[in-house]
Amino acid sequence: MPAKESYEASPQRLEKTLKPHWVWAIALGSAIGWGAFILPSDWIGTAGPLGAMLGLAIGGALMIVVGVSYGFLARVFPVSGGAFAYTLVGFGRRHAYVCAWFMTLGYASIVALNASALGVLARHVVPQVAERGYLYTIAGWDVYFGEVAVATIALIAFAFLNVRGGGNSARLQFWMCVLMIGAIAIVLIGVVASPQGEPSHVEPLFSPDNTPIAGILAIVAIAPWAFIGFDNIPQAAEEFSFPASKAFRLIFWSLIVATLLYVAMILTTAVGAPWQEELAKNSVWMTADVVVGAMGTAGLVVLCIAAFMGIATGLNGFYMSSSRVLLAMGRAKMIPAVFAKVNPKYGTPSAGIWFVFGVCLIAPWFGRTALNWIVDMASIGFTFAFTYTCLCAFRMFTWTGREEHVPDSASTTRKLLAGLGVVVAVAFMILLLAPGSPAQLSTPSFIAMGVWVLIGIVFYVSRRKRSQEVSDEEVDLAVLGHARPEWAGLR
């Protein structure tokens, strides 16, 4: 008979070490990952240059609407767990578990995604290293031991960095973001100012393979994946060294800058050469080919610096957020108690970090083809979190300003925006799941998601008895650090 797990109703809290610009960088760096540098050609092929830019701009704007609910709830509940904690308050433990299970899928997917993308980047930059030790071919993609080794080393390095302290990883995140922004600006200006940079190259503005609307919608549908980094701000709220009321402002500016950087990379890829001709070449990395043609080897070096920074910040940021969700679930006794423990030396949720590391070690062995499957899985996972968060905010806000004694007009506006956020989140879910949708999940993604759901059900049933040993009041105290406010709604 297994030993009874210990439970702390008032577990140790994480240290408040994060500065505002570090938190902003955690969000921005997590949003701008490998996709901003490697996928512009795919997006252009789907929607055309203008369609791709419009799709991401619309997606960024919709994420700001969703971010309103996150910003308010992070201010009221500045704890680790983000949407998990909000769903716990708004809808109870069962719904909180569903939300957290899909969030864990999304976060872990992005860690795996960036690690795998680093292997792909290495194949283009140092093929003599990455393309050593041929292993097998999956869906047309040759997998090499060197590529897997590069990704695995990156996973190990950033796991160690996060275990050794959130402040250290956040400080590094900020400077990596500064370097990434500078490198993107240099590449964009260099390509536009070069003899090869011609405005006429962006024509046709929309892909002839899709109607403009279908192309734009297909790009909009990836917004949950493309911009999810903003969700790392509420995840880090327990560690803010500043008032949590600044959360929405940080969310807003991280989304604005992320949108501009995505648009910059699409424009760089489209303006440097006729995009239809470049796509016909079936290049492994079309953006790099365009930059080399316009700026030579120096341009490729700068682009690779930007891409590496984007991948590294994504790895770093999502290690942090995924471990915080697991920390909150451990506090709620939904998963083993070890996940609720804080490393006595470094003050970090090290068990969650190493768990994510172990899960993500699988991804590099599937090659680049698996990256698109992971993008789909991450998008649906985050969409569940968006839906729950906006529903929680809508339920908590009133038309009469009872929450924290805010004026009636402000409360009404917040409730309307939370309701609009619910509509946006459900629209994303429909785009990803509805048959015939231009952004419907691929069959492998549906299969993988189904497996994840089944594992979640089995895990929930196996933990149910232990979870019921703890009262709702004890769970609230463990996760929130205090009893829920009366205005937050009934259980």
Protein backbone atom coordinates (compact mmCIF):
# COMPACT_ATOMS: atom_id res chain seq x y z
CA MET A 1 0.00 0.00 0.00
CA PRO A 2 1.60 3.34 -1.05
CA ALA A 3 2.63 5.74 1.66
CA LYS A 4 0.32 8.68 2.21
CA GLU A 5 1.63 11.84 0.56
CA SER A 6 2.38 14.83 2.75
CA TYR A 7 0.32 17.95 2.11
CA GLU A 8 1.01 21.55 2.96
CA ALA A 9 -1.96 23.91 3.00
CA SER A 10 0.51 26.81 3.12
CA PRO A 11 3.46 25.69 0.95
CA GLN A 12 6.61 27.69 0.45
CA ARG A 13 6.17 30.58 -1.98
CA LEU A 14 8.57 31.58 -4.74
CA GLU A 15 10.84 34.55 -4.12
CA LYS A 16 9.85 37.93 -5.58
CA THR A 17 12.91 38.55 -7.76
CA LEU A 18 11.52 39.49 -11.19
CA LYS A 19 11.74 43.08 -12.47
CA PRO A 20 9.19 44.53 -14.96
CA HIS A 21 11.53 44.57 -17.99
CA TRP A 22 12.58 40.99 -17.24
CA VAL A 23 8.95 39.86 -17.17
CA TRP A 24 8.25 41.72 -20.43
CA ALA A 25 11.23 39.93 -21.98
CA ILE A 26 9.97 36.55 -20.73
CA ALA A 27 6.71 37.17 -22.60
CA LEU A 28 8.24 38.61 -25.76
CA GLY A 29 11.02 36.03 -26.03
CA SER A 30 8.53 33.21 -25.54
CA ALA A 31 6.26 34.59 -28.28
CA ILE A 32 9.08 35.05 -30.80
CA GLY A 33 10.53 31.60 -31.21
CA TRP A 34 11.82 29.57 -34.11
CA GLY A 35 8.67 30.13 -36.19
CA ALA A 36 9.34 33.82 -36.73
CA PHE A 37 12.54 32.95 -38.59
CA ILE A 38 11.86 29.59 -40.24
CA LEU A 39 8.14 29.69 -41.05
CA PRO A 40 7.66 32.98 -42.99
CA SER A 41 7.91 31.04 -46.25
CA ASP A 42 5.14 28.66 -45.13
CA TRP A 43 2.92 31.57 -44.10
CA ILE A 44 3.57 33.43 -47.35
CA GLY A 45 2.76 30.28 -49.33
CA THR A 46 -0.53 29.94 -47.44
CA ALA A 47 -1.75 33.55 -47.55
CA GLY A 48 0.71 35.63 -49.59
CA PRO A 49 2.91 38.36 -48.04
CA LEU A 50 0.12 40.80 -47.24
CA GLY A 51 -2.24 38.03 -46.17
CA ALA A 52 0.36 36.64 -43.77
CA MET A 53 1.08 40.06 -42.26
CA LEU A 54 -2.61 40.85 -41.90
CA GLY A 55 -3.31 37.45 -40.36
CA LEU A 56 -0.66 37.88 -37.69
CA ALA A 57 -1.65 41.50 -37.03
CA ILE A 58 -5.29 40.46 -36.55
CA GLY A 59 -4.19 37.56 -34.38
CA GLY A 60 -2.09 39.87 -32.21
CA ALA A 61 -5.03 42.25 -31.78
CA LEU A 62 -7.31 39.37 -30.76
CA MET A 63 -4.74 38.22 -28.22
CA ILE A 64 -4.82 41.70 -26.65
CA VAL A 65 -8.57 41.24 -26.14
CA VAL A 66 -7.88 37.91 -24.41
CA GLY A 67 -5.05 39.56 -22.48
CA VAL A 68 -7.49 41.92 -20.75
CA SER A 69 -8.85 39.03 -18.70
CA TYR A 70 -5.37 37.70 -17.96
CA GLY A 71 -4.19 41.11 -16.84
CA PHE A 72 -7.04 41.64 -14.40
CA LEU A 73 -6.91 38.13 -12.94
CA ALA A 74 -3.10 38.28 -12.56
CA ARG A 75 -3.58 41.46 -10.50
CA VAL A 76 -6.21 39.86 -8.26
CA PHE A 77 -4.50 36.45 -7.99
CA PRO A 78 -0.71 37.05 -8.31
CA VAL A 79 0.25 33.40 -7.91
CA SER A 80 1.90 30.65 -9.92
CA GLY A 81 -0.45 28.68 -12.13
CA GLY A 82 -2.07 31.41 -14.21
CA ALA A 83 -5.19 30.08 -15.94
CA PHE A 84 -5.15 27.02 -13.68
CA ALA A 85 -5.54 29.18 -10.58
CA TYR A 86 -8.24 31.32 -12.22
CA THR A 87 -10.21 28.26 -13.33
CA LEU A 88 -9.93 26.80 -9.84
CA VAL A 89 -11.63 29.91 -8.46
CA GLY A 90 -14.21 30.23 -11.21
CA PHE A 91 -15.21 26.61 -11.88
CA GLY A 92 -13.64 24.30 -9.33
CA ARG A 93 -11.00 21.60 -9.29
CA ARG A 94 -12.23 19.35 -12.09
CA HIS A 95 -12.28 22.15 -14.65
CA ALA A 96 -8.97 23.46 -13.30
CA TYR A 97 -7.42 20.06 -13.95
CA VAL A 98 -8.70 19.99 -17.55
CA CYS A 99 -7.34 23.50 -18.13
CA ALA A 100 -3.95 22.68 -16.60
CA TRP A 101 -3.63 19.40 -18.49
CA PHE A 102 -4.05 21.19 -21.82
CA MET A 103 -1.77 24.05 -20.67
CA THR A 104 0.94 21.53 -19.82
CA LEU A 105 0.52 20.05 -23.30
CA GLY A 106 0.93 23.49 -24.86
CA TYR A 107 3.90 24.60 -22.77
CA ALA A 108 5.80 21.34 -23.08
CA SER A 109 5.09 21.33 -26.82
CA ILE A 110 6.75 24.73 -27.21
CA VAL A 111 9.82 23.64 -25.24
CA ALA A 112 10.10 20.58 -27.47
CA LEU A 113 9.39 22.69 -30.54
CA ASN A 114 12.23 25.12 -29.89
CA ALA A 115 14.69 22.37 -29.05
CA SER A 116 13.84 20.54 -32.28
CA ALA A 117 14.06 23.79 -34.25
CA LEU A 118 17.56 24.37 -32.91
CA GLY A 119 18.56 21.07 -34.49
CA VAL A 120 17.04 22.21 -37.80
CA LEU A 121 18.91 25.52 -37.53
CA ALA A 122 22.15 23.64 -36.91
CA ARG A 123 21.64 21.62 -40.09
CA HIS A 124 21.63 24.86 -42.07
CA VAL A 125 24.47 26.63 -40.24
CA VAL A 126 26.82 23.77 -39.32
CA PRO A 127 25.70 20.79 -41.44
CA GLN A 128 29.04 19.09 -40.88
CA VAL A 129 28.02 18.73 -37.22
CA ALA A 130 24.24 18.34 -37.40
CA GLU A 131 24.17 15.92 -40.35
CA ARG A 132 26.43 13.30 -38.82
CA GLY A 133 25.20 9.84 -37.94
CA TYR A 134 22.17 9.20 -40.16
CA LEU A 135 19.50 7.35 -38.16
CA TYR A 136 16.27 7.06 -40.20
CA THR A 137 13.71 8.98 -42.23
CA ILE A 138 10.29 10.12 -40.92
CA ALA A 139 7.72 11.55 -43.35
CA GLY A 140 10.44 12.48 -45.81
CA TRP A 141 12.77 14.06 -43.24
CA ASP A 142 16.18 12.47 -42.56
CA VAL A 143 16.99 12.35 -38.85
CA TYR A 144 20.66 12.55 -37.81
CA PHE A 145 22.28 11.88 -34.45
CA GLY A 146 24.12 15.21 -34.63
CA GLU A 147 20.83 17.09 -34.98
CA VAL A 148 19.34 15.20 -32.02
CA ALA A 149 22.45 15.87 -29.94
CA VAL A 150 22.29 19.63 -30.55
CA ALA A 151 18.64 19.76 -29.43
CA THR A 152 19.32 17.58 -26.39
CA ILE A 153 22.24 19.73 -25.23
CA ALA A 154 20.03 22.82 -25.47
CA LEU A 155 17.33 21.12 -23.37
CA ILE A 156 19.87 20.20 -20.71
CA ALA A 157 21.48 23.66 -20.64
CA PHE A 158 18.24 25.60 -20.18
CA ALA A 159 16.89 23.11 -17.65
CA PHE A 160 20.00 23.73 -15.52
CA LEU A 161 19.67 27.50 -15.99
CA ASN A 162 16.05 27.48 -14.80
CA VAL A 163 16.76 25.22 -11.85
CA ARG A 164 19.49 27.57 -10.63
CA GLY A 165 17.14 30.54 -10.30
CA GLY A 166 14.27 32.41 -11.94
CA GLY A 167 16.07 35.74 -11.57
CA ASN A 168 19.16 34.51 -13.40
CA SER A 169 17.17 33.10 -16.32
CA ALA A 170 14.97 36.23 -16.51
CA ARG A 171 17.97 38.58 -16.59
CA LEU A 172 19.53 36.54 -19.39
CA GLN A 173 16.15 36.54 -21.19
CA PHE A 174 16.09 40.34 -21.30
CA TRP A 175 19.52 40.67 -22.89
CA MET A 176 18.79 37.90 -25.38
CA CYS A 177 15.63 39.79 -26.40
CA VAL A 178 17.60 43.02 -26.86
CA LEU A 179 20.08 41.19 -29.10
CA MET A 180 17.25 39.52 -31.05
CA ILE A 181 15.43 42.80 -31.72
CA GLY A 182 18.65 44.46 -32.86
CA ALA A 183 19.51 41.58 -35.20
CA ILE A 184 16.01 41.57 -36.77
CA ALA A 185 16.24 45.33 -37.37
CA ILE A 186 19.63 44.94 -39.06
CA VAL A 187 18.38 42.14 -41.33
CA LEU A 188 15.21 43.99 -42.33
CA ILE A 189 17.03 47.24 -43.11
CA GLY A 190 19.82 45.37 -44.88
CA VAL A 191 17.48 43.45 -47.19
CA VAL A 192 15.22 46.43 -47.96
CA ALA A 193 18.21 48.71 -48.68
CA SER A 194 20.04 46.15 -50.83
CA PRO A 195 19.87 46.10 -54.66
CA GLN A 196 17.80 42.91 -54.39
CA GLY A 197 15.20 44.56 -52.17
CA GLU A 198 12.31 45.51 -54.45
CA PRO A 199 8.73 46.38 -53.36
CA SER A 200 7.47 44.60 -56.47
CA HIS A 201 8.74 41.29 -55.06
CA VAL A 202 5.83 41.12 -52.62
CA GLU A 203 3.37 40.75 -55.50
CA PRO A 204 1.01 39.01 -55.71
CA LEU A 205 -0.04 40.20 -52.28
CA PHE A 206 -2.19 37.13 -51.65
CA SER A 207 -1.56 33.48 -52.44
CA PRO A 208 -3.22 32.30 -55.64
CA ASP A 209 -3.72 28.89 -53.99
CA ASN A 210 -6.26 30.26 -51.47
CA THR A 211 -8.86 32.99 -51.39
CA PRO A 212 -7.59 36.02 -49.41
CA ILE A 213 -10.07 35.37 -46.59
CA ALA A 214 -9.18 31.67 -46.30
CA GLY A 215 -5.47 32.47 -46.32
CA ILE A 216 -5.80 35.16 -43.66
CA LEU A 217 -7.97 32.93 -41.45
CA ALA A 218 -5.42 30.12 -41.68
CA ILE A 219 -2.77 32.51 -40.35
CA VAL A 220 -5.07 34.00 -37.70
CA ALA A 221 -5.69 30.47 -36.41
CA ILE A 222 -2.04 30.06 -35.36
CA ALA A 223 -2.23 33.14 -33.09
CA PRO A 224 -2.67 31.02 -29.91
CA TRP A 225 0.66 29.39 -30.73
CA ALA A 226 2.38 32.46 -32.15
CA PHE A 227 1.59 34.83 -29.27
CA ILE A 228 1.18 32.53 -26.28
CA GLY A 229 4.26 34.02 -24.64
CA PHE A 230 2.10 36.71 -23.06
CA ASP A 231 0.60 33.98 -20.83
CA ASN A 232 3.99 33.65 -19.14
CA ILE A 233 3.40 36.99 -17.42
CA PRO A 234 0.56 35.68 -15.21
CA GLN A 235 2.56 32.49 -14.66
CA ALA A 236 5.36 34.57 -13.14
CA ALA A 237 3.04 36.80 -11.06
CA GLU A 238 4.02 35.17 -7.77
CA GLU A 239 7.61 36.27 -8.43
CA PHE A 240 6.90 39.93 -9.32
CA SER A 241 9.05 42.38 -7.37
CA PHE A 242 6.58 45.11 -8.43
CA PRO A 243 2.80 45.66 -8.17
CA ALA A 244 0.80 43.05 -10.08
CA SER A 245 -1.38 45.88 -11.43
CA LYS A 246 1.28 46.33 -14.13
CA ALA A 247 0.54 42.89 -15.59
CA PHE A 248 -1.80 44.01 -18.38
CA ARG A 249 0.53 46.81 -19.46
CA LEU A 250 3.33 44.26 -19.84
CA ILE A 251 1.00 41.89 -21.72
CA PHE A 252 -0.07 44.68 -24.07
CA TRP A 253 3.45 45.80 -25.00
CA SER A 254 4.79 42.28 -25.36
CA LEU A 255 2.03 41.54 -27.89
CA ILE A 256 2.57 44.80 -29.80
CA VAL A 257 6.32 44.23 -30.16
CA ALA A 258 5.85 40.54 -31.00
CA THR A 259 3.45 41.45 -33.81
CA LEU A 260 5.91 43.97 -35.23
CA LEU A 261 8.74 41.41 -35.18
CA TYR A 262 6.64 38.77 -36.95
CA VAL A 263 5.65 41.30 -39.61
CA ALA A 264 9.30 42.37 -39.98
CA MET A 265 10.44 38.82 -40.72
CA ILE A 266 7.64 38.22 -43.26
CA LEU A 267 8.49 41.48 -45.01
CA THR A 268 12.20 40.60 -45.01
CA THR A 269 11.45 37.24 -46.64
CA ALA A 270 9.07 38.67 -49.25
CA VAL A 271 10.89 41.83 -50.35
CA GLY A 272 14.32 40.30 -50.98
CA ALA A 273 13.31 38.16 -53.98
CA PRO A 274 10.17 37.20 -55.97
CA TRP A 275 8.47 35.00 -53.39
CA GLN A 276 6.75 32.62 -55.78
CA GLU A 277 10.05 31.82 -57.50
CA GLU A 278 11.75 31.26 -54.13
CA LEU A 279 8.98 28.95 -52.96
CA ALA A 280 9.30 26.89 -56.13
CA LYS A 281 12.89 26.06 -55.13
CA ASN A 282 11.64 24.08 -52.10
CA SER A 283 14.43 25.49 -49.98
CA VAL A 284 14.96 24.19 -46.45
CA TRP A 285 15.16 27.80 -45.19
CA MET A 286 13.86 30.35 -47.69
CA THR A 287 14.37 33.34 -45.39
CA ALA A 288 18.06 32.53 -45.07
CA ASP A 289 18.43 32.19 -48.84
CA VAL A 290 16.85 35.62 -49.34
CA VAL A 291 19.06 37.25 -46.71
CA VAL A 292 22.23 35.69 -48.14
CA GLY A 293 21.27 36.91 -51.62
CA ALA A 294 20.79 40.45 -50.34
CA MET A 295 23.46 40.76 -47.63
CA GLY A 296 25.87 37.90 -48.17
CA THR A 297 27.41 35.79 -45.41
CA ALA A 298 27.33 38.67 -42.93
CA GLY A 299 23.55 38.81 -43.26
CA LEU A 300 23.28 35.07 -42.62
CA VAL A 301 25.35 35.44 -39.45
CA VAL A 302 23.06 38.20 -38.15
CA LEU A 303 19.94 36.19 -39.07
CA CYS A 304 21.29 33.12 -37.28
CA ILE A 305 22.00 35.22 -34.19
CA ALA A 306 18.41 36.47 -34.23
CA ALA A 307 17.04 32.94 -34.78
CA PHE A 308 19.19 31.46 -32.03
CA MET A 309 18.07 34.17 -29.61
CA GLY A 310 14.44 33.51 -30.53
CA ILE A 311 14.80 29.78 -29.97
CA ALA A 312 16.77 30.22 -26.73
CA THR A 313 14.26 32.70 -25.26
CA GLY A 314 11.42 30.34 -26.13
CA LEU A 315 13.15 27.43 -24.41
CA ASN A 316 13.91 29.57 -21.38
CA GLY A 317 10.48 31.17 -21.05
CA PHE A 318 8.43 28.01 -21.44
CA TYR A 319 10.57 25.99 -19.04
CA MET A 320 9.62 28.66 -16.52
CA SER A 321 5.88 28.71 -17.28
CA SER A 322 5.41 24.93 -17.56
CA SER A 323 7.15 24.31 -14.23
CA ARG A 324 4.91 26.94 -12.55
CA VAL A 325 1.75 25.20 -13.75
CA LEU A 326 3.04 21.90 -12.39
CA LEU A 327 3.93 23.66 -9.14
CA ALA A 328 0.35 24.91 -8.77
CA MET A 329 -1.10 21.47 -9.61
CA GLY A 330 1.19 19.91 -7.02
CA ARG A 331 -0.02 22.40 -4.43
CA ALA A 332 -3.59 21.37 -5.27
CA LYS A 333 -2.62 17.69 -4.86
CA MET A 334 -3.66 16.89 -8.43
CA ILE A 335 -0.22 15.48 -9.17
CA PRO A 336 2.44 14.01 -6.82
CA ALA A 337 3.51 16.24 -3.93
CA VAL A 338 7.10 16.44 -5.19
CA PHE A 339 5.96 18.97 -7.80
CA ALA A 340 4.82 21.33 -5.03
CA LYS A 341 8.26 21.45 -3.43
CA VAL A 342 10.63 24.39 -3.93
CA ASN A 343 14.34 23.65 -4.31
CA PRO A 344 15.86 24.59 -0.92
CA LYS A 345 19.05 25.93 -2.49
CA TYR A 346 17.79 27.81 -5.54
CA GLY A 347 14.14 28.52 -4.65
CA THR A 348 12.78 27.08 -7.92
CA PRO A 349 10.23 24.33 -8.74
CA SER A 350 13.00 22.02 -9.94
CA ALA A 351 10.87 18.84 -10.09
CA GLY A 352 8.61 20.43 -12.71
CA ILE A 353 11.58 21.66 -14.72
CA TRP A 354 13.19 18.22 -14.86
CA PHE A 355 9.83 16.58 -15.66
CA VAL A 356 9.36 18.86 -18.70
CA PHE A 357 12.95 18.16 -19.71
CA GLY A 358 12.30 14.42 -19.64
CA VAL A 359 9.10 14.67 -21.70
CA CYS A 360 10.70 16.94 -24.30
CA LEU A 361 13.67 14.64 -24.90
CA ILE A 362 11.41 12.64 -27.21
CA ALA A 363 10.71 15.41 -29.75
CA PRO A 364 14.14 15.79 -31.45
CA TRP A 365 13.99 12.14 -32.56
CA PHE A 366 11.02 12.87 -34.87
CA GLY A 367 12.67 15.49 -37.12
CA ARG A 368 11.22 18.62 -38.69
CA THR A 369 8.01 16.98 -39.89
CA ALA A 370 6.86 16.66 -36.29
CA LEU A 371 7.20 20.41 -35.76
CA ASN A 372 3.93 21.16 -37.56
CA TRP A 373 2.15 18.52 -35.49
CA ILE A 374 3.51 20.11 -32.31
CA VAL A 375 2.36 23.58 -33.44
CA ASP A 376 -1.18 22.22 -33.85
CA MET A 377 -1.15 20.54 -30.45
CA ALA A 378 0.21 23.64 -28.74
CA SER A 379 -2.45 25.82 -30.35
CA ILE A 380 -5.35 23.72 -29.10
CA GLY A 381 -3.84 23.46 -25.64
CA PHE A 382 -3.54 27.22 -25.30
CA THR A 383 -7.01 27.78 -26.74
CA PHE A 384 -8.49 25.80 -23.84
CA ALA A 385 -6.57 28.02 -21.40
CA PHE A 386 -7.79 31.19 -23.15
CA THR A 387 -11.40 29.99 -23.03
CA TYR A 388 -11.31 29.12 -19.36
CA THR A 389 -9.57 32.35 -18.36
CA CYS A 390 -12.01 34.58 -20.22
CA LEU A 391 -14.97 32.61 -18.89
CA CYS A 392 -13.62 33.00 -15.36
CA ALA A 393 -13.17 36.74 -15.83
CA PHE A 394 -16.66 37.07 -17.30
CA ARG A 395 -18.13 35.18 -14.38
CA MET A 396 -16.24 37.27 -11.81
CA PHE A 397 -16.89 40.68 -13.34
CA THR A 398 -20.30 42.20 -12.68
CA TRP A 399 -22.34 44.98 -14.20
CA THR A 400 -22.32 46.77 -10.83
CA GLY A 401 -18.66 46.91 -9.86
CA ARG A 402 -18.66 44.63 -6.84
CA GLU A 403 -15.17 43.32 -7.58
CA GLU A 404 -12.64 45.34 -5.62
CA HIS A 405 -15.07 48.25 -5.47
CA VAL A 406 -14.30 49.45 -9.00
CA PRO A 407 -16.68 51.94 -10.63
CA ASP A 408 -19.72 50.51 -12.40
CA SER A 409 -18.58 51.77 -15.80
CA ALA A 410 -15.14 50.13 -15.48
CA SER A 411 -16.69 46.85 -14.34
CA THR A 412 -19.14 46.88 -17.25
CA THR A 413 -16.33 47.46 -19.74
CA ARG A 414 -14.28 44.64 -18.28
CA LYS A 415 -17.23 42.25 -18.40
CA LEU A 416 -17.90 43.11 -22.04
CA LEU A 417 -14.22 42.61 -22.93
CA ALA A 418 -14.14 39.30 -21.04
CA GLY A 419 -17.22 38.21 -22.98
CA LEU A 420 -15.56 39.22 -26.24
CA GLY A 421 -12.50 37.24 -25.15
CA VAL A 422 -14.69 34.15 -24.76
CA VAL A 423 -16.00 34.64 -28.30
CA VAL A 424 -12.45 35.03 -29.63
CA ALA A 425 -11.21 31.91 -27.82
CA VAL A 426 -14.16 29.80 -29.03
CA ALA A 427 -13.59 31.08 -32.59
CA PHE A 428 -9.99 29.88 -32.41
CA MET A 429 -11.18 26.49 -31.19
CA ILE A 430 -13.64 26.22 -34.08
CA LEU A 431 -10.93 27.15 -36.59
CA LEU A 432 -8.71 24.38 -35.24
CA LEU A 433 -11.32 21.63 -34.79
CA ALA A 434 -14.18 22.20 -37.27
CA PRO A 435 -14.19 19.92 -40.35
CA GLY A 436 -13.44 21.88 -43.50
CA SER A 437 -11.81 24.76 -41.65
CA PRO A 438 -8.73 26.18 -43.43
CA ALA A 439 -6.82 25.69 -40.16
CA GLN A 440 -8.17 22.27 -39.12
CA LEU A 441 -5.72 20.09 -37.18
CA SER A 442 -3.90 17.44 -39.19
CA THR A 443 -4.69 13.77 -38.61
CA PRO A 444 -1.43 13.09 -36.70
CA SER A 445 -2.20 16.07 -34.46
CA PHE A 446 -5.71 14.75 -33.74
CA ILE A 447 -4.25 11.35 -32.87
CA ALA A 448 -1.59 12.84 -30.60
CA MET A 449 -4.16 15.05 -28.88
CA GLY A 450 -6.45 12.05 -28.35
CA VAL A 451 -3.61 10.13 -26.72
CA TRP A 452 -2.90 13.10 -24.45
CA VAL A 453 -6.58 13.31 -23.42
CA LEU A 454 -6.68 9.59 -22.60
CA ILE A 455 -3.51 9.87 -20.52
CA GLY A 456 -5.06 12.82 -18.70
CA ILE A 457 -8.23 10.85 -17.91
CA VAL A 458 -6.25 7.89 -16.59
CA PHE A 459 -4.06 10.17 -14.50
CA TYR A 460 -7.06 12.05 -13.10
CA VAL A 461 -8.84 8.84 -12.08
CA SER A 462 -5.69 7.46 -10.46
CA ARG A 463 -5.23 10.66 -8.41
CA ARG A 464 -8.88 11.26 -7.57
CA LYS A 465 -8.85 9.56 -4.15
CA ARG A 466 -5.79 11.48 -2.98
CA SER A 467 -7.23 14.73 -4.28
CA GLN A 468 -10.48 14.22 -2.36
CA GLU A 469 -8.55 13.97 0.90
CA VAL A 470 -8.09 17.74 0.75
CA SER A 471 -10.94 20.22 1.17
CA ASP A 472 -11.68 23.04 -1.27
CA GLU A 473 -10.66 25.58 1.37
CA GLU A 474 -7.27 23.90 1.82
CA VAL A 475 -6.71 23.83 -1.94
CA ASP A 476 -7.55 27.53 -2.20
CA LEU A 477 -5.07 28.34 0.56
CA ALA A 478 -2.35 26.21 -1.03
CA VAL A 479 -2.76 27.59 -4.56
CA LEU A 480 -3.84 31.19 -3.89
CA GLY A 481 -2.11 31.74 -0.56
CA HIS A 482 -5.40 32.95 0.95
CA ALA A 483 -9.14 32.29 0.89
CA ARG A 484 -10.88 33.32 -2.32
CA PRO A 485 -12.58 36.76 -2.20
CA GLU A 486 -16.34 36.64 -1.70
CA TRP A 487 -17.03 38.57 -4.90
CA ALA A 488 -15.14 36.00 -7.02
CA GLY A 489 -18.20 33.78 -7.34
CA LEU A 490 -19.58 30.58 -5.89
CA ARG A 491 -17.85 27.22 -6.21
